[in-house]
C-alpha cells in the first residue's frame, strides 16, 4: 500500500480502528522496506517490497496506535 493510498484511505474514512470501530485519523513514520536483497554475479534479486507505518486512531477516548507492515488489514470498503 503506497503512501498516497494510506492518505486517501484515511481522508475517505475507510481505515477503521479495531478498538473503537471509528475511522483512523492519522499516521506517522511511513517507510518503504525491502526484505532481502542479494547481489551475486551481477544479478540483483529483491525478495519482497513493503511498507511500515504507524497508524493512530486519534478519536476521542481511544488511544489505539499500532506499527504495522499490513495497513490494508484496517481498510474497509
PDB file of N, CA and C in Angstrom:
ATOM      1  N   UNK A   1       0.860  -1.168   0.000  1.00  0.00           N
ATOM      2  CA  UNK A   1       0.000   0.000   0.000  1.00  0.00           C
ATOM      3  C   UNK A   1       0.900   1.224   0.000  1.00  0.00           C
ATOM      4  N   UNK A   2       0.713   2.069  -0.977  1.00  0.00           N
ATOM      5  CA  UNK A   2       1.562   3.249  -1.109  1.00  0.00           C
ATOM      6  C   UNK A   2       1.181   4.329  -0.089  1.00  0.00           C
ATOM      7  N   UNK A   3       2.068   5.285   0.056  1.00  0.00           N
ATOM      8  CA  UNK A   3       1.810   6.410   0.955  1.00  0.00           C
ATOM      9  C   UNK A   3       0.537   7.135   0.538  1.00  0.00           C
ATOM     10  N   UNK A   4       0.356   7.349  -0.763  1.00  0.00           N
ATOM     11  CA  UNK A   4      -0.839   8.043  -1.243  1.00  0.00           C
ATOM     12  C   UNK A   4      -2.101   7.240  -0.946  1.00  0.00           C
ATOM     13  N   UNK A   5      -2.035   5.924  -1.078  1.00  0.00           N
ATOM     14  CA  UNK A   5      -3.198   5.075  -0.785  1.00  0.00           C
ATOM     15  C   UNK A   5      -3.572   5.151   0.689  1.00  0.00           C
ATOM     16  N   UNK A   6      -2.581   5.226   1.563  1.00  0.00           N
ATOM     17  CA  UNK A   6      -2.845   5.373   3.001  1.00  0.00           C
ATOM     18  C   UNK A   6      -3.490   6.722   3.277  1.00  0.00           C
ATOM     19  N   UNK A   7      -2.953   7.783   2.680  1.00  0.00           N
ATOM     20  CA  UNK A   7      -3.536   9.122   2.857  1.00  0.00           C
ATOM     21  C   UNK A   7      -4.978   9.144   2.369  1.00  0.00           C
ATOM     22  N   UNK A   8      -5.237   8.538   1.216  1.00  0.00           N
ATOM     23  CA  UNK A   8      -6.596   8.511   0.662  1.00  0.00           C
ATOM     24  C   UNK A   8      -7.549   7.722   1.549  1.00  0.00           C
ATOM     25  N   UNK A   9      -7.108   6.572   2.049  1.00  0.00           N
ATOM     26  CA  UNK A   9      -7.968   5.741   2.913  1.00  0.00           C
ATOM     27  C   UNK A   9      -8.332   6.484   4.195  1.00  0.00           C
ATOM     28  N   UNK A  10      -7.371   7.222   4.755  1.00  0.00           N
ATOM     29  CA  UNK A  10      -7.652   7.995   5.970  1.00  0.00           C
ATOM     30  C   UNK A  10      -8.581   9.159   5.644  1.00  0.00           C
ATOM     31  N   UNK A  11      -8.315   9.868   4.552  1.00  0.00           N
ATOM     32  CA  UNK A  11      -9.153  11.012   4.168  1.00  0.00           C
ATOM     33  C   UNK A  11     -10.581  10.580   3.855  1.00  0.00           C
ATOM     34  N   UNK A  12     -10.746   9.400   3.264  1.00  0.00           N
ATOM     35  CA  UNK A  12     -12.079   8.892   2.912  1.00  0.00           C
ATOM     36  C   UNK A  12     -12.728   8.084   4.027  1.00  0.00           C
ATOM     37  N   UNK A  13     -12.070   8.066   5.199  1.00  0.00           N
ATOM     38  CA  UNK A  13     -12.580   7.383   6.399  1.00  0.00           C
ATOM     39  C   UNK A  13     -12.850   5.898   6.144  1.00  0.00           C
ATOM     40  N   UNK A  14     -11.965   5.258   5.365  1.00  0.00           N
ATOM     41  CA  UNK A  14     -12.096   3.837   5.076  1.00  0.00           C
ATOM     42  C   UNK A  14     -11.162   2.985   5.920  1.00  0.00           C
ATOM     43  N   UNK A  15     -10.258   3.621   6.667  1.00  0.00           N
ATOM     44  CA  UNK A  15      -9.343   2.898   7.527  1.00  0.00           C
ATOM     45  C   UNK A  15      -9.938   2.921   8.932  1.00  0.00           C
ATOM     46  N   UNK A  16     -10.266   1.740   9.457  1.00  0.00           N
ATOM     47  CA  UNK A  16     -11.056   1.629  10.688  1.00  0.00           C
ATOM     48  C   UNK A  16     -10.221   1.135  11.865  1.00  0.00           C
ATOM     49  N   UNK A  17     -10.376   1.779  13.015  1.00  0.00           N
ATOM     50  CA  UNK A  17      -9.702   1.390  14.258  1.00  0.00           C
ATOM     51  C   UNK A  17     -10.328   0.098  14.784  1.00  0.00           C
ATOM     52  N   UNK A  18      -9.525  -0.918  15.079  1.00  0.00           N
ATOM     53  CA  UNK A  18     -10.069  -2.177  15.586  1.00  0.00           C
ATOM     54  C   UNK A  18     -10.586  -2.076  17.022  1.00  0.00           C
ATOM     55  N   UNK A  19     -10.174  -1.052  17.751  1.00  0.00           N
ATOM     56  CA  UNK A  19     -10.583  -0.910  19.145  1.00  0.00           C
ATOM     57  C   UNK A  19     -11.928  -0.202  19.282  1.00  0.00           C
ATOM     58  N   UNK A  20     -12.063   0.996  18.695  1.00  0.00           N
ATOM     59  CA  UNK A  20     -13.292   1.777  18.881  1.00  0.00           C
ATOM     60  C   UNK A  20     -14.220   1.727  17.669  1.00  0.00           C
ATOM     61  N   UNK A  21     -13.746   1.137  16.567  1.00  0.00           N
ATOM     62  CA  UNK A  21     -14.510   0.998  15.318  1.00  0.00           C
ATOM     63  C   UNK A  21     -14.778   2.326  14.613  1.00  0.00           C
ATOM     64  N   UNK A  22     -14.098   3.400  15.049  1.00  0.00           N
ATOM     65  CA  UNK A  22     -14.182   4.682  14.347  1.00  0.00           C
ATOM     66  C   UNK A  22     -13.114   4.739  13.265  1.00  0.00           C
ATOM     67  N   UNK A  23     -13.135   5.773  12.466  1.00  0.00           N
ATOM     68  CA  UNK A  23     -12.137   5.885  11.404  1.00  0.00           C
ATOM     69  C   UNK A  23     -10.800   6.363  11.983  1.00  0.00           C
ATOM     70  N   UNK A  24      -9.721   5.787  11.477  1.00  0.00           N
ATOM     71  CA  UNK A  24      -8.381   6.178  11.902  1.00  0.00           C
ATOM     72  C   UNK A  24      -8.127   7.587  11.379  1.00  0.00           C
ATOM     73  N   UNK A  25      -7.567   8.438  12.239  1.00  0.00           N
ATOM     74  CA  UNK A  25      -7.419   9.854  11.919  1.00  0.00           C
ATOM     75  C   UNK A  25      -6.041  10.249  11.411  1.00  0.00           C
ATOM     76  N   UNK A  26      -4.995   9.482  11.757  1.00  0.00           N
ATOM     77  CA  UNK A  26      -3.656   9.914  11.394  1.00  0.00           C
ATOM     78  C   UNK A  26      -2.685   8.745  11.285  1.00  0.00           C
ATOM     79  N   UNK A  27      -1.516   9.041  10.747  1.00  0.00           N
ATOM     80  CA  UNK A  27      -0.455   8.049  10.672  1.00  0.00           C
ATOM     81  C   UNK A  27       0.871   8.758  10.890  1.00  0.00           C
ATOM     82  N   UNK A  28       1.910   7.958  11.131  1.00  0.00           N
ATOM     83  CA  UNK A  28       3.224   8.515  11.388  1.00  0.00           C
ATOM     84  C   UNK A  28       4.277   7.512  10.927  1.00  0.00           C
ATOM     85  N   UNK A  29       5.450   7.968  10.619  1.00  0.00           N
ATOM     86  CA  UNK A  29       6.615   7.140  10.325  1.00  0.00           C
ATOM     87  C   UNK A  29       6.392   6.128   9.211  1.00  0.00           C
ATOM     88  N   UNK A  30       5.986   6.590   8.044  1.00  0.00           N
ATOM     89  CA  UNK A  30       5.840   5.717   6.878  1.00  0.00           C
ATOM     90  C   UNK A  30       7.231   5.418   6.329  1.00  0.00           C
ATOM     91  N   UNK A  31       7.484   4.155   5.997  1.00  0.00           N
ATOM     92  CA  UNK A  31       8.773   3.779   5.414  1.00  0.00           C
ATOM     93  C   UNK A  31       8.582   2.647   4.424  1.00  0.00           C
ATOM     94  N   UNK A  32       9.166   2.790   3.238  1.00  0.00           N
ATOM     95  CA  UNK A  32       9.216   1.686   2.289  1.00  0.00           C
ATOM     96  C   UNK A  32      10.280   0.717   2.767  1.00  0.00           C
ATOM     97  N   UNK A  33      10.048  -0.571   2.577  1.00  0.00           N
ATOM     98  CA  UNK A  33      11.017  -1.563   3.013  1.00  0.00           C
ATOM     99  C   UNK A  33      11.300  -2.559   1.901  1.00  0.00           C
ATOM    100  N   UNK A  34      12.470  -3.121   1.937  1.00  0.00           N
ATOM    101  CA  UNK A  34      12.841  -4.245   1.084  1.00  0.00           C
ATOM    102  C   UNK A  34      13.358  -5.313   2.029  1.00  0.00           C
ATOM    103  N   UNK A  35      12.753  -6.497   1.999  1.00  0.00           N
ATOM    104  CA  UNK A  35      13.102  -7.532   2.960  1.00  0.00           C
ATOM    105  C   UNK A  35      14.457  -8.185   2.688  1.00  0.00           C
ATOM    106  N   UNK A  36      14.791  -8.468   1.446  1.00  0.00           N
ATOM    107  CA  UNK A  36      16.067  -9.127   1.176  1.00  0.00           C
ATOM    108  C   UNK A  36      16.580  -8.724  -0.201  1.00  0.00           C
ATOM    109  N   UNK A  37      17.839  -8.405  -0.234  1.00  0.00           N
ATOM    110  CA  UNK A  37      18.476  -8.077  -1.500  1.00  0.00           C
ATOM    111  C   UNK A  37      19.751  -8.905  -1.596  1.00  0.00           C
ATOM    112  N   UNK A  38      19.919  -9.590  -2.727  1.00  0.00           N
ATOM    113  CA  UNK A  38      21.129 -10.370  -2.957  1.00  0.00           C
ATOM    114  C   UNK A  38      21.755  -9.900  -4.270  1.00  0.00           C
ATOM    115  N   UNK A  39      23.033  -9.692  -4.241  1.00  0.00           N
ATOM    116  CA  UNK A  39      23.744  -9.283  -5.453  1.00  0.00           C
ATOM    117  C   UNK A  39      24.901 -10.258  -5.660  1.00  0.00           C
ATOM    118  N   UNK A  40      24.765 -11.082  -6.670  1.00  0.00           N
ATOM    119  CA  UNK A  40      25.831 -12.029  -6.957  1.00  0.00           C
ATOM    120  C   UNK A  40      25.978 -12.203  -8.451  1.00  0.00           C
ATOM    121  N   UNK A  41      27.184 -12.144  -8.926  1.00  0.00           N
ATOM    122  CA  UNK A  41      27.456 -12.313 -10.346  1.00  0.00           C
ATOM    123  C   UNK A  41      26.621 -11.356 -11.194  1.00  0.00           C
ATOM    124  N   UNK A  42      26.516 -10.108 -10.755  1.00  0.00           N
ATOM    125  CA  UNK A  42      25.783  -9.051 -11.452  1.00  0.00           C
ATOM    126  C   UNK A  42      24.289  -9.332 -11.593  1.00  0.00           C
ATOM    127  N   UNK A  43      23.755 -10.147 -10.719  1.00  0.00           N
ATOM    128  CA  UNK A  43      22.316 -10.408 -10.691  1.00  0.00           C
ATOM    129  C   UNK A  43      21.787  -9.853  -9.373  1.00  0.00           C
ATOM    130  N   UNK A  44      20.842  -8.960  -9.477  1.00  0.00           N
ATOM    131  CA  UNK A  44      20.255  -8.361  -8.285  1.00  0.00           C
ATOM    132  C   UNK A  44      18.862  -8.945  -8.091  1.00  0.00           C
ATOM    133  N   UNK A  45      18.623  -9.559  -6.942  1.00  0.00           N
ATOM    134  CA  UNK A  45      17.313 -10.144  -6.638  1.00  0.00           C
ATOM    135  C   UNK A  45      16.710  -9.422  -5.441  1.00  0.00           C
ATOM    136  N   UNK A  46      15.469  -9.050  -5.568  1.00  0.00           N
ATOM    137  CA  UNK A  46      14.742  -8.432  -4.463  1.00  0.00           C
ATOM    138  C   UNK A  46      13.587  -9.356  -4.110  1.00  0.00           C
ATOM    139  N   UNK A  47      13.580  -9.866  -2.874  1.00  0.00           N
ATOM    140  CA  UNK A  47      12.560 -10.833  -2.472  1.00  0.00           C
ATOM    141  C   UNK A  47      11.185 -10.210  -2.310  1.00  0.00           C
ATOM    142  N   UNK A  48      11.091  -9.137  -1.588  1.00  0.00           N
ATOM    143  CA  UNK A  48       9.766  -8.539  -1.396  1.00  0.00           C
ATOM    144  C   UNK A  48       9.902  -7.070  -1.028  1.00  0.00           C
ATOM    145  N   UNK A  49       8.865  -6.355  -1.355  1.00  0.00           N
ATOM    146  CA  UNK A  49       8.788  -4.935  -1.012  1.00  0.00           C
ATOM    147  C   UNK A  49       7.567  -4.751  -0.116  1.00  0.00           C
ATOM    148  N   UNK A  50       7.627  -3.768   0.704  1.00  0.00           N
ATOM    149  CA  UNK A  50       6.502  -3.493   1.574  1.00  0.00           C
ATOM    150  C   UNK A  50       6.646  -2.122   2.185  1.00  0.00           C
ATOM    151  N   UNK A  51       5.913  -1.907   3.238  1.00  0.00           N
ATOM    152  CA  UNK A  51       5.995  -0.642   3.935  1.00  0.00           C
ATOM    153  C   UNK A  51       5.680  -0.867   5.401  1.00  0.00           C
ATOM    154  N   UNK A  52       6.127   0.057   6.191  1.00  0.00           N
ATOM    155  CA  UNK A  52       5.793   0.070   7.610  1.00  0.00           C
ATOM    156  C   UNK A  52       5.228   1.445   7.906  1.00  0.00           C
ATOM    157  N   UNK A  53       4.194   1.451   8.697  1.00  0.00           N
ATOM    158  CA  UNK A  53       3.556   2.711   9.037  1.00  0.00           C
ATOM    159  C   UNK A  53       2.956   2.581  10.441  1.00  0.00           C
ATOM    160  N   UNK A  54       2.986   3.663  11.187  1.00  0.00           N
ATOM    161  CA  UNK A  54       2.318   3.699  12.485  1.00  0.00           C
ATOM    162  C   UNK A  54       0.958   4.348  12.280  1.00  0.00           C
ATOM    163  N   UNK A  55      -0.102   3.582  12.528  1.00  0.00           N
ATOM    164  CA  UNK A  55      -1.470   4.100  12.431  1.00  0.00           C
ATOM    165  C   UNK A  55      -1.906   4.568  13.807  1.00  0.00           C
ATOM    166  N   UNK A  56      -2.576   5.706  13.863  1.00  0.00           N
ATOM    167  CA  UNK A  56      -3.013   6.308  15.125  1.00  0.00           C
ATOM    168  C   UNK A  56      -4.498   6.593  15.020  1.00  0.00           C
ATOM    169  N   UNK A  57      -5.286   6.053  15.954  1.00  0.00           N
ATOM    170  CA  UNK A  57      -6.733   6.240  15.912  1.00  0.00           C
ATOM    171  C   UNK A  57      -7.087   7.727  15.956  1.00  0.00           C
ATOM    172  N   UNK A  58      -6.738   8.403  17.019  1.00  0.00           N
ATOM    173  CA  UNK A  58      -6.983   9.839  17.118  1.00  0.00           C
ATOM    174  C   UNK A  58      -8.399  10.230  17.500  1.00  0.00           C
ATOM    175  N   UNK A  59      -9.306   9.256  17.671  1.00  0.00           N
ATOM    176  CA  UNK A  59     -10.670   9.571  18.093  1.00  0.00           C
ATOM    177  C   UNK A  59     -10.702   9.800  19.600  1.00  0.00           C
ATOM    178  N   UNK A  60     -11.588  10.659  20.046  1.00  0.00           N
ATOM    179  CA  UNK A  60     -11.689  10.995  21.463  1.00  0.00           C
ATOM    180  C   UNK A  60     -11.933   9.743  22.303  1.00  0.00           C
ATOM    181  N   UNK A  61     -11.112   9.576  23.334  1.00  0.00           N
ATOM    182  CA  UNK A  61     -11.269   8.451  24.244  1.00  0.00           C
ATOM    183  C   UNK A  61     -10.610   7.162  23.778  1.00  0.00           C
ATOM    184  N   UNK A  62      -9.980   7.166  22.624  1.00  0.00           N
ATOM    185  CA  UNK A  62      -9.329   5.959  22.106  1.00  0.00           C
ATOM    186  C   UNK A  62      -7.842   6.248  21.916  1.00  0.00           C
ATOM    187  N   UNK A  63      -7.007   5.458  22.555  1.00  0.00           N
ATOM    188  CA  UNK A  63      -5.564   5.681  22.474  1.00  0.00           C
ATOM    189  C   UNK A  63      -4.865   4.620  21.613  1.00  0.00           C
ATOM    190  N   UNK A  64      -5.636   3.906  20.772  1.00  0.00           N
ATOM    191  CA  UNK A  64      -5.058   2.840  19.944  1.00  0.00           C
ATOM    192  C   UNK A  64      -4.035   3.396  18.979  1.00  0.00           C
ATOM    193  N   UNK A  65      -2.905   2.685  18.872  1.00  0.00           N
ATOM    194  CA  UNK A  65      -1.830   3.048  17.964  1.00  0.00           C
ATOM    195  C   UNK A  65      -1.085   1.758  17.650  1.00  0.00           C
ATOM    196  N   UNK A  66      -0.741   1.550  16.383  1.00  0.00           N
ATOM    197  CA  UNK A  66      -0.041   0.315  16.022  1.00  0.00           C
ATOM    198  C   UNK A  66       0.926   0.545  14.866  1.00  0.00           C
ATOM    199  N   UNK A  67       2.107  -0.026  15.003  1.00  0.00           N
ATOM    200  CA  UNK A  67       3.108  -0.035  13.926  1.00  0.00           C
ATOM    201  C   UNK A  67       2.861  -1.318  13.144  1.00  0.00           C
ATOM    202  N   UNK A  68       2.605  -1.211  11.856  1.00  0.00           N
ATOM    203  CA  UNK A  68       2.223  -2.380  11.075  1.00  0.00           C
ATOM    204  C   UNK A  68       2.893  -2.411   9.714  1.00  0.00           C
ATOM    205  N   UNK A  69       3.056  -3.608   9.201  1.00  0.00           N
ATOM    206  CA  UNK A  69       3.515  -3.810   7.830  1.00  0.00           C
ATOM    207  C   UNK A  69       2.328  -4.109   6.919  1.00  0.00           C
ATOM    208  N   UNK A  70       1.138  -4.203   7.505  1.00  0.00           N
ATOM    209  CA  UNK A  70      -0.059  -4.590   6.761  1.00  0.00           C
ATOM    210  C   UNK A  70      -1.193  -3.588   6.963  1.00  0.00           C
ATOM    211  N   UNK A  71      -1.049  -2.357   6.474  1.00  0.00           N
ATOM    212  CA  UNK A  71      -2.097  -1.355   6.686  1.00  0.00           C
ATOM    213  C   UNK A  71      -3.404  -1.691   5.977  1.00  0.00           C
ATOM    214  N   UNK A  72      -3.357  -2.530   4.938  1.00  0.00           N
ATOM    215  CA  UNK A  72      -4.581  -2.913   4.223  1.00  0.00           C
ATOM    216  C   UNK A  72      -5.558  -3.666   5.112  1.00  0.00           C
ATOM    217  N   UNK A  73      -5.062  -4.304   6.181  1.00  0.00           N
ATOM    218  CA  UNK A  73      -5.928  -5.034   7.102  1.00  0.00           C
ATOM    219  C   UNK A  73      -6.950  -4.111   7.778  1.00  0.00           C
ATOM    220  N   UNK A  74      -6.673  -2.820   7.815  1.00  0.00           N
ATOM    221  CA  UNK A  74      -7.539  -1.873   8.511  1.00  0.00           C
ATOM    222  C   UNK A  74      -8.482  -1.127   7.572  1.00  0.00           C
ATOM    223  N   UNK A  75      -8.408  -1.427   6.282  1.00  0.00           N
ATOM    224  CA  UNK A  75      -9.257  -0.758   5.304  1.00  0.00           C
ATOM    225  C   UNK A  75     -10.533  -1.556   5.085  1.00  0.00           C
ATOM    226  N   UNK A  76     -11.658  -0.868   5.186  1.00  0.00           N
ATOM    227  CA  UNK A  76     -12.960  -1.473   4.908  1.00  0.00           C
ATOM    228  C   UNK A  76     -13.608  -0.734   3.751  1.00  0.00           C
ATOM    229  N   UNK A  77     -14.317  -1.476   2.929  1.00  0.00           N
ATOM    230  CA  UNK A  77     -14.994  -0.848   1.778  1.00  0.00           C
ATOM    231  C   UNK A  77     -16.314  -0.251   2.138  1.00  0.00           C
TER     232      UNK A  77
END
